[in-house]
Amino acid sequence: MSRVTLAQWQMLAAVVDHGGFARAAEAIHKSPSTLNHAVHKLEEQLGVDVLEPVGRQVRLTEAGEMLLRRARQLIENADALEDVANRLAEGLEAEIVLAIDQIFPPDALARALEAFSASYPHVRVQLHETVLNGGVEMLQDGHADLLVSGLAAQGFLGEPLVTVAFIAVAHPDHALHRLARVLDLRDLEQHRQLVVRDSALRQSLDAGWLKAEQRWTVSHLDTSIDMLERNLGFAWVPETRIAEALRAGRLKPLSLAAGGRREVPIQLIHRDQDRAGPATRAMARHLHEAARACLPDEKV
């Protein structure tokens, strides 16, 4: 068991920070004799001198510098712990669970999480990257506090968040591009389509055009994009996820007569908005703000 108390370390830090016992006593509302006794008791318990006189002031010894440096970590952790306890007493959640469809722009998600972290650094975040009905299933099962999805969730009301454009693309050297003409769906049927698997465990569904004779199904949107850049198929993917690949010429939109571009409205859905805690409400606000900031030219 530790012999030195946290209060003793705090009083030592105050003496050092304020340059002496008198100023420290005034700053933290303790008597100079109380501080003096606390520091001398600390030295006696540790068997090490932590302060030495310099004129009318005091300074840390070499051993004192090392000890106080580590003690400050304890002080900061204790302050943080009290802050967390106070927030919990006020109804702050210890953790929030997000189910975010993979089609939501990653830049917007990163910005929202960064802003949330600055305000609520001690609230844990469980992030589930879902596909299609997977996030809806989590919400309905009570396993997510917030859902970002392109699908409606029966029994829940959603708030419009952002509209994501999907475009049909393939590698510039893909056989479909070499046809050098406007394409129709019959052309696509002869080539491999890349699709992302629904992450739902019970009621998975297929979405989009799925009539290609060859089809590869993957679990993550990033895998599909990687395969596209390796010229292994064609797919409809969110434009925001491949903007850099399009600019760099690694991917090219398919010249479809119809259906080459479609827009999917994304919603933000609370499990229970009336009972949502301050952290959940803050996360919802940051998601809205991040969507607007990252997609200024999109419909939000």
Protein backbone atom coordinates (compact mmCIF):
# COMPACT_ATOMS: atom_id res chain seq x y z
CA MET A 1 0.00 0.00 0.00
CA SER A 2 1.28 3.49 -0.90
CA ARG A 3 2.56 5.49 2.07
CA VAL A 4 2.39 8.85 0.30
CA THR A 5 -1.05 10.30 -0.36
CA LEU A 6 -2.24 12.01 -3.52
CA ALA A 7 -2.79 15.18 -1.48
CA GLN A 8 0.89 15.25 -0.54
CA TRP A 9 1.93 15.06 -4.20
CA GLN A 10 -0.57 17.81 -5.05
CA MET A 11 0.86 20.07 -2.34
CA LEU A 12 4.43 19.41 -3.50
CA ALA A 13 3.42 20.28 -7.05
CA ALA A 14 1.81 23.51 -5.84
CA VAL A 15 4.97 24.54 -3.96
CA VAL A 16 7.08 23.95 -7.07
CA ASP A 17 4.64 25.58 -9.48
CA HIS A 18 4.27 28.72 -7.35
CA GLY A 19 7.90 29.02 -6.35
CA GLY A 20 7.58 28.59 -2.59
CA PHE A 21 5.39 27.70 0.36
CA ALA A 22 3.86 31.14 0.91
CA ARG A 23 2.66 31.65 -2.67
CA ALA A 24 1.46 28.05 -2.94
CA ALA A 25 -0.45 28.38 0.32
CA GLU A 26 -2.23 31.46 -0.98
CA ALA A 27 -3.03 29.81 -4.33
CA ILE A 28 -4.53 26.58 -2.96
CA HIS A 29 -5.93 28.05 0.26
CA LYS A 30 -3.77 26.10 2.70
CA SER A 31 -1.52 27.44 5.43
CA PRO A 32 2.25 27.49 4.76
CA SER A 33 2.78 25.28 7.79
CA THR A 34 0.37 22.67 6.37
CA LEU A 35 2.30 22.57 3.11
CA ASN A 36 5.62 22.47 4.89
CA HIS A 37 4.52 19.58 7.06
CA ALA A 38 3.10 17.66 4.08
CA VAL A 39 6.32 17.95 2.06
CA HIS A 40 8.58 17.06 4.98
CA LYS A 41 6.35 14.08 5.77
CA LEU A 42 6.62 13.00 2.13
CA GLU A 43 10.43 13.21 2.26
CA GLU A 44 10.47 11.26 5.51
CA GLN A 45 8.23 8.53 4.10
CA LEU A 46 10.25 8.19 0.91
CA GLY A 47 13.65 8.64 2.51
CA VAL A 48 14.58 11.12 -0.24
CA ASP A 49 15.01 14.91 -0.25
CA VAL A 50 12.73 16.35 -2.93
CA LEU A 51 13.28 20.07 -2.27
CA GLU A 52 16.35 22.16 -1.56
CA PRO A 53 16.58 25.85 -0.54
CA VAL A 54 17.76 28.48 -3.03
CA GLY A 55 17.83 31.82 -1.26
CA ARG A 56 14.31 32.47 0.00
CA GLN A 57 12.79 30.00 -2.44
CA VAL A 58 13.01 26.27 -2.94
CA ARG A 59 13.62 24.08 -5.94
CA LEU A 60 13.41 20.41 -6.76
CA THR A 61 16.37 18.16 -6.24
CA GLU A 62 17.32 15.84 -9.07
CA ALA A 63 15.45 13.02 -7.35
CA GLY A 64 12.52 15.36 -6.71
CA GLU A 65 12.28 16.24 -10.41
CA MET A 66 11.99 12.60 -11.39
CA LEU A 67 9.46 11.79 -8.67
CA LEU A 68 7.28 14.82 -9.31
CA ARG A 69 7.30 14.19 -13.06
CA ARG A 70 5.74 10.80 -12.42
CA ALA A 71 3.49 12.11 -9.66
CA ARG A 72 1.97 14.64 -12.07
CA GLN A 73 0.63 11.73 -14.10
CA LEU A 74 -1.15 10.50 -10.97
CA ILE A 75 -2.54 13.97 -10.32
CA GLU A 76 -3.79 14.33 -13.89
CA ASN A 77 -5.35 10.86 -13.82
CA ALA A 78 -7.08 11.63 -10.53
CA ASP A 79 -8.48 14.88 -11.94
CA ALA A 80 -9.69 13.04 -15.02
CA LEU A 81 -11.29 10.35 -12.88
CA GLU A 82 -13.20 12.95 -10.87
CA ASP A 83 -14.35 14.58 -14.10
CA VAL A 84 -15.66 11.26 -15.40
CA ALA A 85 -17.43 10.60 -12.10
CA ASN A 86 -19.06 14.02 -12.19
CA ARG A 87 -20.25 13.48 -15.76
CA LEU A 88 -21.61 10.03 -14.91
CA ALA A 89 -23.48 11.54 -11.99
CA GLU A 90 -25.02 14.03 -14.43
CA GLY A 91 -26.18 11.19 -16.70
CA LEU A 92 -23.23 10.98 -19.10
CA GLU A 93 -22.91 7.66 -20.88
CA ALA A 94 -19.76 5.64 -20.25
CA GLU A 95 -19.96 4.28 -23.82
CA ILE A 96 -21.93 4.84 -27.01
CA VAL A 97 -22.38 2.36 -29.85
CA LEU A 98 -22.49 3.52 -33.47
CA ALA A 99 -23.64 1.48 -36.44
CA ILE A 100 -22.38 3.31 -39.52
CA ASP A 101 -23.05 2.02 -43.02
CA GLN A 102 -19.84 1.73 -45.01
CA ILE A 103 -21.25 4.05 -47.68
CA PHE A 104 -21.10 7.02 -45.27
CA PRO A 105 -18.17 9.25 -46.33
CA PRO A 106 -15.10 8.26 -44.26
CA ASP A 107 -13.81 11.85 -44.07
CA ALA A 108 -17.06 12.95 -42.47
CA LEU A 109 -16.95 10.07 -40.00
CA ALA A 110 -13.35 10.85 -39.02
CA ARG A 111 -14.16 14.53 -38.55
CA ALA A 112 -17.17 13.73 -36.36
CA LEU A 113 -15.19 11.34 -34.18
CA GLU A 114 -12.36 13.85 -33.78
CA ALA A 115 -14.76 16.60 -32.70
CA PHE A 116 -16.55 14.24 -30.33
CA SER A 117 -13.26 13.15 -28.76
CA ALA A 118 -12.33 16.74 -28.00
CA SER A 119 -15.56 17.22 -26.01
CA TYR A 120 -15.92 13.77 -24.47
CA PRO A 121 -12.45 12.21 -24.28
CA HIS A 122 -13.45 9.67 -21.62
CA VAL A 123 -16.53 8.26 -23.34
CA ARG A 124 -15.77 4.99 -25.10
CA VAL A 125 -16.98 4.58 -28.68
CA GLN A 126 -17.93 1.24 -30.22
CA LEU A 127 -17.98 1.68 -34.00
CA HIS A 128 -19.59 -1.01 -36.17
CA GLU A 129 -19.08 -0.62 -39.93
CA THR A 130 -22.23 -2.19 -41.33
CA VAL A 131 -23.69 -2.97 -44.75
CA LEU A 132 -27.33 -2.65 -45.80
CA ASN A 133 -29.62 -4.28 -43.21
CA GLY A 134 -26.84 -5.02 -40.72
CA GLY A 135 -27.07 -1.66 -38.99
CA VAL A 136 -30.88 -1.73 -38.96
CA GLU A 137 -30.75 -5.13 -37.27
CA MET A 138 -28.39 -3.79 -34.59
CA LEU A 139 -30.73 -0.87 -33.91
CA GLN A 140 -33.82 -3.07 -33.68
CA ASP A 141 -32.01 -5.46 -31.33
CA GLY A 142 -31.07 -2.56 -29.06
CA HIS A 143 -27.36 -3.00 -29.79
CA ALA A 144 -26.73 0.48 -31.27
CA ASP A 145 -27.41 3.95 -29.88
CA LEU A 146 -27.11 5.65 -33.28
CA LEU A 147 -27.51 4.30 -36.80
CA VAL A 148 -26.32 5.92 -40.02
CA SER A 149 -27.94 4.07 -42.91
CA GLY A 150 -29.36 4.33 -46.41
CA LEU A 151 -32.24 2.10 -45.33
CA ALA A 152 -35.27 2.98 -43.25
CA ALA A 153 -35.67 1.19 -39.93
CA GLN A 154 -39.23 0.08 -39.28
CA GLY A 155 -40.54 1.60 -36.07
CA PHE A 156 -37.87 4.35 -35.94
CA LEU A 157 -37.79 7.90 -37.27
CA GLY A 158 -34.69 9.12 -39.05
CA GLU A 159 -33.21 12.54 -39.76
CA PRO A 160 -31.83 13.34 -43.23
CA LEU A 161 -28.05 13.39 -42.98
CA VAL A 162 -26.52 13.42 -46.45
CA THR A 163 -27.12 12.09 -49.96
CA VAL A 164 -24.40 9.83 -51.35
CA ALA A 165 -23.96 9.38 -55.10
CA PHE A 166 -23.15 5.88 -56.38
CA ILE A 167 -21.50 5.53 -59.79
CA ALA A 168 -20.76 2.48 -61.92
CA VAL A 169 -17.00 2.22 -62.44
CA ALA A 170 -14.27 -0.11 -63.64
CA HIS A 171 -10.54 -0.02 -64.28
CA PRO A 172 -9.67 2.07 -67.38
CA ASP A 173 -8.41 -1.11 -69.11
CA HIS A 174 -11.57 -3.10 -68.37
CA ALA A 175 -13.18 -4.79 -71.37
CA LEU A 176 -16.35 -2.70 -70.94
CA HIS A 177 -14.38 0.49 -71.55
CA ARG A 178 -12.72 -1.03 -74.61
CA LEU A 179 -16.14 -1.33 -76.27
CA ALA A 180 -15.86 2.45 -76.74
CA ARG A 181 -19.61 3.05 -76.90
CA VAL A 182 -22.58 3.71 -74.70
CA LEU A 183 -23.33 0.60 -72.66
CA ASP A 184 -26.58 -1.02 -71.65
CA LEU A 185 -27.36 -3.57 -68.97
CA ARG A 186 -26.97 -6.45 -71.44
CA ASP A 187 -23.30 -5.52 -71.79
CA LEU A 188 -22.84 -5.72 -68.02
CA GLU A 189 -24.35 -9.20 -67.83
CA GLN A 190 -21.28 -10.66 -69.51
CA HIS A 191 -18.81 -9.35 -66.95
CA ARG A 192 -18.02 -9.84 -63.26
CA GLN A 193 -19.85 -7.62 -60.80
CA LEU A 194 -18.36 -6.88 -57.37
CA VAL A 195 -20.88 -6.53 -54.54
CA VAL A 196 -20.63 -6.03 -50.79
CA ARG A 197 -22.33 -8.57 -48.53
CA ASP A 198 -25.11 -7.48 -46.19
CA SER A 199 -23.77 -7.60 -42.62
CA ALA A 200 -27.13 -8.57 -41.13
CA LEU A 201 -27.21 -11.93 -39.35
CA ARG A 202 -30.91 -12.71 -39.79
CA GLN A 203 -32.50 -10.75 -42.63
CA SER A 204 -29.82 -10.01 -45.18
CA LEU A 205 -30.81 -8.52 -48.51
CA ASP A 206 -29.32 -7.80 -51.89
CA ALA A 207 -29.36 -4.29 -53.31
CA GLY A 208 -28.54 -2.78 -56.67
CA TRP A 209 -28.33 -4.43 -60.07
CA LEU A 210 -27.30 -8.08 -59.62
CA LYS A 211 -27.83 -9.76 -62.99
CA ALA A 212 -24.22 -10.32 -63.97
CA GLU A 213 -23.45 -13.96 -64.80
CA GLN A 214 -20.30 -13.65 -62.67
CA ARG A 215 -20.46 -12.13 -59.23
CA TRP A 216 -17.91 -11.81 -56.42
CA THR A 217 -19.27 -10.92 -52.98
CA VAL A 218 -16.99 -9.33 -50.38
CA SER A 219 -17.51 -8.12 -46.82
CA HIS A 220 -16.09 -4.60 -46.98
CA LEU A 221 -16.37 -1.73 -49.41
CA ASP A 222 -12.60 -1.16 -49.31
CA THR A 223 -12.06 -4.70 -50.60
CA SER A 224 -14.39 -4.07 -53.52
CA ILE A 225 -12.56 -0.84 -54.39
CA ASP A 226 -9.19 -2.60 -54.21
CA MET A 227 -10.46 -5.28 -56.61
CA LEU A 228 -11.78 -2.61 -58.96
CA GLU A 229 -8.35 -0.99 -59.12
CA ARG A 230 -6.87 -4.42 -59.89
CA ASN A 231 -9.21 -4.75 -62.87
CA LEU A 232 -11.12 -7.68 -61.39
CA GLY A 233 -14.64 -6.47 -62.12
CA PHE A 234 -17.05 -3.55 -62.15
CA ALA A 235 -19.25 -2.15 -59.38
CA TRP A 236 -21.42 0.70 -58.20
CA VAL A 237 -19.57 2.47 -55.39
CA PRO A 238 -19.97 5.75 -53.48
CA GLU A 239 -18.33 8.57 -55.40
CA THR A 240 -16.82 9.99 -52.21
CA ARG A 241 -14.89 6.74 -51.61
CA ILE A 242 -13.21 6.79 -55.03
CA ALA A 243 -12.81 10.51 -55.74
CA GLU A 244 -9.01 10.33 -55.61
CA ALA A 245 -8.92 7.16 -57.74
CA LEU A 246 -11.09 8.88 -60.36
CA ARG A 247 -8.87 11.97 -60.39
CA ALA A 248 -5.74 9.82 -60.69
CA GLY A 249 -7.24 7.73 -63.50
CA ARG A 250 -7.11 4.44 -61.58
CA LEU A 251 -10.88 4.06 -62.05
CA LYS A 252 -13.21 5.33 -64.76
CA PRO A 253 -17.01 5.71 -64.83
CA LEU A 254 -18.81 3.31 -67.13
CA SER A 255 -20.62 4.98 -70.00
CA LEU A 256 -24.08 3.60 -69.28
CA ALA A 257 -27.14 4.73 -71.23
CA ALA A 258 -29.08 4.69 -67.95
CA GLY A 259 -28.41 3.78 -64.33
CA GLY A 260 -24.75 4.73 -64.26
CA ARG A 261 -25.36 7.08 -61.37
CA ARG A 262 -27.83 6.84 -58.52
CA GLU A 263 -28.28 8.75 -55.31
CA VAL A 264 -28.92 7.24 -51.89
CA PRO A 265 -30.26 9.43 -49.07
CA ILE A 266 -28.55 8.61 -45.76
CA GLN A 267 -30.40 8.95 -42.47
CA LEU A 268 -29.32 9.34 -38.88
CA ILE A 269 -31.53 7.28 -36.58
CA HIS A 270 -31.61 7.28 -32.76
CA ARG A 271 -32.48 4.16 -30.83
CA ASP A 272 -34.39 6.42 -28.39
CA GLN A 273 -33.89 10.12 -28.96
CA ASP A 274 -35.94 11.18 -25.92
CA ARG A 275 -33.74 9.14 -23.58
CA ALA A 276 -30.44 9.80 -25.34
CA GLY A 277 -27.69 11.04 -23.05
CA PRO A 278 -25.50 14.10 -23.66
CA ALA A 279 -22.73 12.13 -25.38
CA THR A 280 -25.13 10.46 -27.81
CA ARG A 281 -26.72 13.81 -28.63
CA ALA A 282 -23.30 15.36 -29.13
CA MET A 283 -22.25 12.56 -31.48
CA ALA A 284 -25.42 13.07 -33.54
CA ARG A 285 -24.69 16.79 -33.78
CA HIS A 286 -21.09 16.19 -34.84
CA LEU A 287 -22.20 13.74 -37.54
CA HIS A 288 -24.55 16.36 -38.97
CA GLU A 289 -21.88 19.06 -38.86
CA ALA A 290 -19.21 16.81 -40.37
CA ALA A 291 -21.49 15.75 -43.22
CA ARG A 292 -22.12 19.40 -44.10
CA ALA A 293 -18.44 20.32 -43.82
CA CYS A 294 -17.10 17.43 -45.88
CA LEU A 295 -19.72 17.53 -48.60
CA PRO A 296 -20.39 21.22 -49.30
CA ASP A 297 -21.59 20.53 -52.81
CA GLU A 298 -23.79 17.58 -51.93
CA LYS A 299 -27.40 17.61 -50.85
CA VAL A 300 -27.52 17.45 -47.05
